[in-house]
N, C-alpha and C. Protein backbone atom coordinates (compact mmCIF):
# COMPACT_ATOMS: atom_id res chain seq x y z
N MET A 1 15.10 -39.02 -8.01
CA MET A 1 15.51 -39.31 -6.65
C MET A 1 15.59 -37.99 -5.89
N MET A 2 14.95 -37.96 -4.72
CA MET A 2 14.89 -36.74 -3.92
C MET A 2 14.68 -37.11 -2.46
N ILE A 3 15.31 -36.37 -1.58
CA ILE A 3 15.06 -36.51 -0.15
C ILE A 3 14.39 -35.23 0.31
N ARG A 4 13.27 -35.41 1.02
CA ARG A 4 12.54 -34.26 1.56
C ARG A 4 12.46 -34.41 3.06
N LEU A 5 12.75 -33.34 3.76
CA LEU A 5 12.60 -33.30 5.21
C LEU A 5 11.52 -32.26 5.51
N ILE A 6 10.51 -32.67 6.23
CA ILE A 6 9.41 -31.78 6.57
C ILE A 6 9.29 -31.80 8.08
N TRP A 7 9.47 -30.62 8.70
CA TRP A 7 9.38 -30.59 10.15
C TRP A 7 8.61 -29.39 10.64
N VAL A 8 8.20 -29.49 11.90
CA VAL A 8 7.38 -28.46 12.53
C VAL A 8 8.27 -27.47 13.26
N GLY A 9 8.12 -26.20 12.93
CA GLY A 9 8.83 -25.13 13.62
C GLY A 9 10.22 -24.88 13.07
N ARG A 10 10.59 -23.62 13.09
CA ARG A 10 11.91 -23.26 12.58
C ARG A 10 12.99 -23.64 13.59
N THR A 11 14.20 -23.75 13.10
CA THR A 11 15.34 -24.08 13.95
C THR A 11 15.83 -22.77 14.56
N ARG A 12 15.64 -22.63 15.86
CA ARG A 12 15.97 -21.36 16.52
C ARG A 12 17.43 -21.28 16.95
N ASP A 13 18.03 -22.42 17.26
CA ASP A 13 19.41 -22.44 17.72
C ASP A 13 20.34 -22.27 16.52
N SER A 14 21.17 -21.23 16.55
CA SER A 14 22.02 -20.93 15.40
C SER A 14 23.07 -22.01 15.15
N ALA A 15 23.57 -22.64 16.21
CA ALA A 15 24.55 -23.71 16.02
C ALA A 15 23.90 -24.90 15.31
N ALA A 16 22.70 -25.28 15.75
CA ALA A 16 21.99 -26.38 15.10
C ALA A 16 21.68 -26.03 13.65
N ALA A 17 21.26 -24.80 13.40
CA ALA A 17 20.96 -24.36 12.04
C ALA A 17 22.21 -24.46 11.16
N GLY A 18 23.36 -24.13 11.72
CA GLY A 18 24.61 -24.23 10.98
C GLY A 18 24.96 -25.66 10.62
N TRP A 19 24.79 -26.58 11.56
CA TRP A 19 25.03 -27.99 11.29
C TRP A 19 24.07 -28.51 10.23
N ILE A 20 22.81 -28.15 10.36
CA ILE A 20 21.80 -28.59 9.38
C ILE A 20 22.17 -28.11 7.99
N GLU A 21 22.56 -26.86 7.87
CA GLU A 21 22.93 -26.33 6.56
C GLU A 21 24.19 -27.02 6.02
N ASP A 22 25.15 -27.30 6.90
CA ASP A 22 26.36 -27.98 6.47
C ASP A 22 26.03 -29.37 5.91
N TYR A 23 25.21 -30.13 6.62
CA TYR A 23 24.84 -31.46 6.14
C TYR A 23 23.94 -31.38 4.90
N ARG A 24 23.08 -30.38 4.82
CA ARG A 24 22.25 -30.21 3.61
C ARG A 24 23.14 -30.02 2.39
N ARG A 25 24.17 -29.21 2.54
CA ARG A 25 25.12 -28.96 1.45
C ARG A 25 25.86 -30.24 1.07
N ARG A 26 26.31 -30.99 2.06
CA ARG A 26 27.05 -32.24 1.80
C ARG A 26 26.15 -33.27 1.10
N ILE A 27 24.93 -33.42 1.60
CA ILE A 27 24.00 -34.40 1.03
C ILE A 27 23.65 -34.04 -0.40
N SER A 28 23.54 -32.75 -0.69
CA SER A 28 23.12 -32.31 -2.03
C SER A 28 24.13 -32.70 -3.11
N ARG A 29 25.34 -33.08 -2.73
CA ARG A 29 26.31 -33.59 -3.71
C ARG A 29 25.90 -34.96 -4.23
N TYR A 30 25.12 -35.69 -3.44
CA TYR A 30 24.72 -37.05 -3.79
C TYR A 30 23.28 -37.14 -4.27
N CYS A 31 22.44 -36.23 -3.80
CA CYS A 31 21.01 -36.36 -4.05
C CYS A 31 20.36 -35.00 -3.78
N PRO A 32 19.38 -34.60 -4.59
CA PRO A 32 18.66 -33.38 -4.26
C PRO A 32 17.98 -33.52 -2.90
N ILE A 33 18.04 -32.48 -2.10
CA ILE A 33 17.43 -32.49 -0.77
C ILE A 33 16.67 -31.19 -0.56
N GLU A 34 15.51 -31.32 0.03
CA GLU A 34 14.64 -30.15 0.26
C GLU A 34 14.18 -30.18 1.71
N ILE A 35 14.27 -29.05 2.38
CA ILE A 35 13.80 -28.93 3.75
C ILE A 35 12.59 -27.99 3.74
N THR A 36 11.48 -28.47 4.29
CA THR A 36 10.26 -27.68 4.38
C THR A 36 9.89 -27.55 5.85
N VAL A 37 9.63 -26.33 6.26
CA VAL A 37 9.25 -26.05 7.65
C VAL A 37 7.79 -25.63 7.67
N VAL A 38 7.01 -26.28 8.51
CA VAL A 38 5.62 -25.85 8.71
C VAL A 38 5.54 -25.16 10.07
N ARG A 39 4.61 -24.25 10.18
CA ARG A 39 4.48 -23.47 11.41
C ARG A 39 3.99 -24.33 12.58
N ASP A 40 4.50 -24.00 13.76
CA ASP A 40 3.98 -24.62 14.98
C ASP A 40 2.52 -24.26 15.13
N ALA A 41 1.71 -25.21 15.56
CA ALA A 41 0.31 -24.91 15.87
C ALA A 41 0.28 -24.10 17.16
N PRO A 42 -0.64 -23.16 17.27
CA PRO A 42 -0.72 -22.38 18.51
C PRO A 42 -1.20 -23.24 19.67
N GLY A 43 -0.86 -22.79 20.87
CA GLY A 43 -1.33 -23.48 22.07
C GLY A 43 -0.41 -24.62 22.47
N LYS A 44 -0.89 -25.33 23.49
CA LYS A 44 -0.12 -26.45 24.01
C LYS A 44 -1.06 -27.63 24.22
N GLY A 45 -0.47 -28.78 24.45
CA GLY A 45 -1.27 -29.95 24.79
C GLY A 45 -1.38 -30.96 23.68
N ARG A 46 -2.15 -32.00 23.97
CA ARG A 46 -2.25 -33.15 23.09
C ARG A 46 -3.00 -32.87 21.79
N SER A 47 -3.76 -31.79 21.73
CA SER A 47 -4.49 -31.48 20.49
C SER A 47 -3.60 -30.80 19.46
N ARG A 48 -2.44 -30.38 19.88
CA ARG A 48 -1.53 -29.67 18.97
C ARG A 48 -1.14 -30.50 17.74
N PRO A 49 -0.76 -31.79 17.87
CA PRO A 49 -0.42 -32.57 16.67
C PRO A 49 -1.57 -32.66 15.67
N ALA A 50 -2.80 -32.72 16.16
CA ALA A 50 -3.96 -32.78 15.25
C ALA A 50 -4.06 -31.49 14.44
N ARG A 51 -3.72 -30.37 15.06
CA ARG A 51 -3.76 -29.09 14.33
C ARG A 51 -2.60 -28.99 13.34
N GLU A 52 -1.48 -29.63 13.63
CA GLU A 52 -0.33 -29.61 12.72
C GLU A 52 -0.47 -30.64 11.60
N PHE A 53 -1.38 -31.59 11.78
CA PHE A 53 -1.59 -32.68 10.82
C PHE A 53 -1.82 -32.15 9.41
N GLN A 54 -2.74 -31.22 9.26
CA GLN A 54 -3.09 -30.71 7.93
C GLN A 54 -1.90 -30.03 7.25
N ALA A 55 -1.14 -29.26 8.03
CA ALA A 55 0.03 -28.57 7.45
C ALA A 55 1.06 -29.58 6.96
N LEU A 56 1.31 -30.62 7.76
CA LEU A 56 2.29 -31.63 7.37
C LEU A 56 1.78 -32.46 6.20
N ALA A 57 0.56 -32.92 6.30
CA ALA A 57 -0.01 -33.76 5.23
C ALA A 57 -0.09 -33.00 3.92
N GLY A 58 -0.33 -31.71 3.99
CA GLY A 58 -0.41 -30.89 2.78
C GLY A 58 0.91 -30.76 2.05
N LYS A 59 2.01 -31.03 2.72
CA LYS A 59 3.33 -30.93 2.09
C LYS A 59 3.76 -32.23 1.41
N LEU A 60 3.03 -33.31 1.68
CA LEU A 60 3.37 -34.58 1.05
C LEU A 60 2.83 -34.59 -0.37
N ARG A 61 3.61 -35.12 -1.26
CA ARG A 61 3.22 -35.11 -2.67
C ARG A 61 2.76 -36.48 -3.16
N GLY A 62 2.77 -37.46 -2.29
CA GLY A 62 2.26 -38.77 -2.65
C GLY A 62 3.18 -39.63 -3.50
N ARG A 63 4.43 -39.21 -3.66
CA ARG A 63 5.39 -40.00 -4.43
C ARG A 63 6.44 -40.54 -3.48
N GLY A 64 6.74 -41.80 -3.62
CA GLY A 64 7.81 -42.38 -2.83
C GLY A 64 7.39 -42.73 -1.42
N LEU A 65 8.38 -42.89 -0.57
CA LEU A 65 8.19 -43.35 0.79
C LEU A 65 8.07 -42.18 1.76
N VAL A 66 7.13 -42.29 2.70
CA VAL A 66 7.01 -41.34 3.80
C VAL A 66 7.48 -42.06 5.06
N ALA A 67 8.49 -41.51 5.71
CA ALA A 67 9.03 -42.07 6.95
C ALA A 67 8.85 -41.04 8.06
N VAL A 68 8.25 -41.47 9.16
CA VAL A 68 8.08 -40.57 10.30
C VAL A 68 9.12 -40.90 11.35
N LEU A 69 9.60 -39.87 12.02
CA LEU A 69 10.48 -40.09 13.16
C LEU A 69 9.59 -40.19 14.38
N ASP A 70 9.73 -41.30 15.08
CA ASP A 70 8.82 -41.61 16.18
C ASP A 70 9.58 -42.39 17.23
N GLU A 71 9.38 -42.04 18.49
CA GLU A 71 10.12 -42.73 19.56
C GLU A 71 9.82 -44.22 19.63
N LYS A 72 8.69 -44.64 19.07
CA LYS A 72 8.34 -46.06 19.06
C LYS A 72 8.70 -46.72 17.73
N GLY A 73 9.43 -46.00 16.88
CA GLY A 73 9.81 -46.52 15.58
C GLY A 73 10.95 -47.52 15.68
N LYS A 74 11.34 -48.02 14.54
CA LYS A 74 12.41 -49.01 14.45
C LYS A 74 13.76 -48.34 14.66
N GLU A 75 14.56 -48.92 15.53
CA GLU A 75 15.93 -48.46 15.71
C GLU A 75 16.83 -49.20 14.74
N MET A 76 17.80 -48.50 14.18
CA MET A 76 18.71 -49.10 13.21
C MET A 76 20.13 -48.66 13.50
N THR A 77 21.07 -49.48 13.08
CA THR A 77 22.46 -49.05 13.07
C THR A 77 22.63 -48.13 11.86
N SER A 78 23.76 -47.47 11.76
CA SER A 78 24.01 -46.61 10.60
C SER A 78 24.04 -47.41 9.31
N VAL A 79 24.60 -48.61 9.35
CA VAL A 79 24.65 -49.45 8.15
C VAL A 79 23.24 -49.89 7.76
N GLU A 80 22.41 -50.26 8.74
CA GLU A 80 21.03 -50.63 8.44
C GLU A 80 20.25 -49.45 7.87
N PHE A 81 20.49 -48.27 8.43
CA PHE A 81 19.82 -47.07 7.90
C PHE A 81 20.27 -46.80 6.47
N ALA A 82 21.55 -47.00 6.18
CA ALA A 82 22.04 -46.81 4.81
C ALA A 82 21.34 -47.75 3.84
N ARG A 83 21.18 -49.01 4.24
CA ARG A 83 20.46 -49.97 3.39
C ARG A 83 19.00 -49.56 3.22
N PHE A 84 18.37 -49.11 4.30
CA PHE A 84 16.98 -48.65 4.25
C PHE A 84 16.86 -47.49 3.26
N LEU A 85 17.75 -46.52 3.37
CA LEU A 85 17.70 -45.35 2.49
C LEU A 85 17.97 -45.75 1.04
N ASP A 86 18.93 -46.62 0.82
CA ASP A 86 19.24 -47.08 -0.53
C ASP A 86 18.03 -47.77 -1.16
N LYS A 87 17.40 -48.65 -0.42
CA LYS A 87 16.23 -49.36 -0.93
C LYS A 87 15.09 -48.39 -1.22
N ALA A 88 14.87 -47.44 -0.33
CA ALA A 88 13.79 -46.46 -0.52
C ALA A 88 14.04 -45.58 -1.73
N ILE A 89 15.26 -45.14 -1.91
CA ILE A 89 15.59 -44.26 -3.04
C ILE A 89 15.49 -45.00 -4.36
N THR A 90 15.97 -46.24 -4.39
CA THR A 90 15.95 -46.98 -5.66
C THR A 90 14.55 -47.45 -6.03
N SER A 91 13.64 -47.54 -5.07
CA SER A 91 12.29 -48.02 -5.39
C SER A 91 11.28 -46.90 -5.58
N GLY A 92 11.63 -45.66 -5.31
CA GLY A 92 10.69 -44.56 -5.46
C GLY A 92 11.38 -43.30 -5.93
N SER A 93 10.59 -42.30 -6.24
CA SER A 93 11.17 -41.06 -6.75
C SER A 93 11.61 -40.13 -5.63
N GLU A 94 11.09 -40.33 -4.41
CA GLU A 94 11.53 -39.50 -3.31
C GLU A 94 11.27 -40.19 -1.98
N VAL A 95 11.99 -39.72 -0.97
CA VAL A 95 11.80 -40.17 0.39
C VAL A 95 11.53 -38.93 1.22
N SER A 96 10.42 -38.93 1.95
CA SER A 96 10.06 -37.80 2.80
C SER A 96 10.15 -38.22 4.26
N PHE A 97 10.93 -37.47 5.04
CA PHE A 97 11.04 -37.71 6.47
C PHE A 97 10.23 -36.63 7.19
N LEU A 98 9.32 -37.05 8.07
CA LEU A 98 8.48 -36.12 8.83
C LEU A 98 8.93 -36.09 10.29
N LEU A 99 9.10 -34.89 10.82
CA LEU A 99 9.44 -34.70 12.23
C LEU A 99 8.39 -33.79 12.84
N GLY A 100 7.77 -34.24 13.90
CA GLY A 100 6.70 -33.47 14.54
C GLY A 100 7.24 -32.37 15.44
N GLY A 101 6.29 -31.69 16.06
CA GLY A 101 6.61 -30.63 17.01
C GLY A 101 6.80 -31.19 18.41
N PRO A 102 6.75 -30.33 19.41
CA PRO A 102 6.99 -30.75 20.80
C PRO A 102 6.05 -31.85 21.30
N GLU A 103 4.86 -31.93 20.76
CA GLU A 103 3.91 -32.96 21.19
C GLU A 103 3.92 -34.18 20.28
N GLY A 104 4.85 -34.22 19.32
CA GLY A 104 4.95 -35.36 18.43
C GLY A 104 4.05 -35.22 17.21
N LEU A 105 3.83 -36.34 16.53
CA LEU A 105 3.02 -36.38 15.32
C LEU A 105 1.63 -36.92 15.63
N ASP A 106 0.66 -36.49 14.86
CA ASP A 106 -0.69 -36.99 14.99
C ASP A 106 -0.70 -38.49 14.68
N PRO A 107 -1.39 -39.31 15.48
CA PRO A 107 -1.42 -40.76 15.24
C PRO A 107 -1.91 -41.15 13.84
N GLU A 108 -2.81 -40.37 13.27
CA GLU A 108 -3.29 -40.66 11.92
C GLU A 108 -2.17 -40.51 10.90
N LEU A 109 -1.34 -39.50 11.08
CA LEU A 109 -0.21 -39.29 10.18
C LEU A 109 0.82 -40.40 10.34
N VAL A 110 1.06 -40.83 11.57
CA VAL A 110 2.00 -41.92 11.83
C VAL A 110 1.48 -43.20 11.15
N ALA A 111 0.17 -43.44 11.26
CA ALA A 111 -0.42 -44.64 10.66
C ALA A 111 -0.33 -44.64 9.14
N MET A 112 -0.32 -43.46 8.52
CA MET A 112 -0.24 -43.34 7.06
C MET A 112 1.16 -43.59 6.53
N ALA A 113 2.16 -43.46 7.38
CA ALA A 113 3.55 -43.54 6.93
C ALA A 113 3.94 -44.96 6.53
N GLY A 114 4.87 -45.03 5.61
CA GLY A 114 5.39 -46.32 5.17
C GLY A 114 6.49 -46.85 6.07
N ALA A 115 7.04 -45.99 6.93
CA ALA A 115 8.11 -46.41 7.84
C ALA A 115 8.09 -45.53 9.08
N ARG A 116 8.40 -46.15 10.21
CA ARG A 116 8.55 -45.42 11.49
C ARG A 116 9.97 -45.68 11.98
N ILE A 117 10.69 -44.59 12.19
CA ILE A 117 12.10 -44.69 12.56
C ILE A 117 12.34 -43.98 13.89
N SER A 118 13.12 -44.62 14.75
CA SER A 118 13.57 -43.98 15.98
C SER A 118 15.05 -43.70 15.83
N LEU A 119 15.46 -42.49 16.11
CA LEU A 119 16.88 -42.15 16.03
C LEU A 119 17.65 -42.68 17.24
N SER A 120 16.95 -42.82 18.36
CA SER A 120 17.60 -43.26 19.58
C SER A 120 16.55 -43.54 20.63
N ARG A 121 16.90 -44.35 21.61
CA ARG A 121 16.02 -44.52 22.76
C ARG A 121 16.16 -43.34 23.71
N LEU A 122 17.20 -42.55 23.52
CA LEU A 122 17.36 -41.33 24.32
C LEU A 122 16.37 -40.27 23.84
N THR A 123 16.01 -39.37 24.71
CA THR A 123 15.17 -38.24 24.31
C THR A 123 16.07 -37.14 23.78
N LEU A 124 15.79 -36.70 22.55
CA LEU A 124 16.55 -35.61 21.93
C LEU A 124 15.66 -34.39 21.77
N THR A 125 16.25 -33.21 21.83
CA THR A 125 15.47 -32.02 21.49
C THR A 125 15.12 -32.12 20.00
N HIS A 126 14.10 -31.38 19.59
CA HIS A 126 13.71 -31.42 18.18
C HIS A 126 14.82 -30.92 17.28
N GLU A 127 15.52 -29.91 17.72
CA GLU A 127 16.61 -29.38 16.91
C GLU A 127 17.76 -30.38 16.83
N MET A 128 18.06 -31.06 17.92
CA MET A 128 19.12 -32.06 17.90
C MET A 128 18.71 -33.24 17.02
N ALA A 129 17.44 -33.63 17.07
CA ALA A 129 16.96 -34.73 16.22
C ALA A 129 17.15 -34.37 14.75
N ARG A 130 16.92 -33.13 14.39
CA ARG A 130 17.12 -32.69 13.00
C ARG A 130 18.58 -32.86 12.60
N VAL A 131 19.49 -32.43 13.48
CA VAL A 131 20.92 -32.55 13.18
C VAL A 131 21.31 -34.02 13.06
N VAL A 132 20.85 -34.86 13.98
CA VAL A 132 21.19 -36.28 13.95
C VAL A 132 20.66 -36.93 12.67
N LEU A 133 19.43 -36.61 12.29
CA LEU A 133 18.87 -37.17 11.05
C LEU A 133 19.70 -36.75 9.85
N MET A 134 20.04 -35.49 9.76
CA MET A 134 20.84 -35.00 8.63
C MET A 134 22.20 -35.70 8.60
N GLU A 135 22.83 -35.83 9.77
CA GLU A 135 24.14 -36.49 9.83
C GLU A 135 24.02 -37.94 9.40
N GLN A 136 22.97 -38.63 9.81
CA GLN A 136 22.81 -40.03 9.45
C GLN A 136 22.49 -40.21 7.96
N ILE A 137 21.79 -39.27 7.38
CA ILE A 137 21.56 -39.34 5.93
C ILE A 137 22.89 -39.18 5.20
N TYR A 138 23.69 -38.20 5.63
CA TYR A 138 25.01 -38.02 5.01
C TYR A 138 25.88 -39.27 5.23
N ARG A 139 25.87 -39.80 6.44
CA ARG A 139 26.64 -41.01 6.75
C ARG A 139 26.18 -42.17 5.87
N ALA A 140 24.87 -42.28 5.64
CA ALA A 140 24.34 -43.36 4.79
C ALA A 140 24.93 -43.27 3.39
N PHE A 141 24.98 -42.07 2.82
CA PHE A 141 25.57 -41.92 1.49
C PHE A 141 27.06 -42.27 1.51
N SER A 142 27.76 -41.91 2.59
CA SER A 142 29.19 -42.25 2.65
C SER A 142 29.37 -43.76 2.77
N ILE A 143 28.49 -44.44 3.48
CA ILE A 143 28.56 -45.91 3.58
C ILE A 143 28.29 -46.53 2.22
N LEU A 144 27.23 -46.07 1.56
CA LEU A 144 26.85 -46.65 0.27
C LEU A 144 27.91 -46.44 -0.80
N ARG A 145 28.70 -45.38 -0.68
CA ARG A 145 29.73 -45.08 -1.67
C ARG A 145 31.12 -45.47 -1.22
N GLY A 146 31.22 -46.10 -0.05
CA GLY A 146 32.52 -46.55 0.44
C GLY A 146 33.45 -45.42 0.80
N MET A 147 32.91 -44.29 1.20
CA MET A 147 33.72 -43.13 1.55
C MET A 147 34.29 -43.29 2.96
N PRO A 148 35.41 -42.64 3.27
CA PRO A 148 36.05 -42.82 4.57
C PRO A 148 35.32 -42.14 5.74
N TYR A 149 34.34 -41.29 5.49
CA TYR A 149 33.64 -40.57 6.57
C TYR A 149 33.10 -41.54 7.62
N HIS A 150 32.56 -42.67 7.22
CA HIS A 150 31.90 -43.57 8.16
C HIS A 150 32.84 -44.21 9.18
N ARG A 151 34.09 -44.33 8.86
CA ARG A 151 35.03 -45.02 9.76
C ARG A 151 35.28 -44.29 11.03
């Protein structure tokens, strides 16, 4: 059982990086977790996700579930997300969450994923989306184990 987070670009905001590290440490008590950062593709525009596609796809190991974060993905409550994560972990050896860069993910990569998840209908910065995802993963473990954090 393993959770992998693969995202484009380093976390530049020190406060966000601190939150991410705090949740990574908390989650690691329940499950191994790995964060992989791929470099931003140079330039701007709609072709950028296609250039980032190879870097992201190259980090996937083909085991378990691949879930992409996408604004058109399925919205879930925290309890629904906990059930989703529990089912994914118990049915595979790892769960990989992919987060794209400023232009999003390449449509081919989105189509390859086993799940599309939206964190919110609100627009979040990429760094904030990372923090929210980490917090929700930790919250999912607290829900599954009946811990008081979720209340």
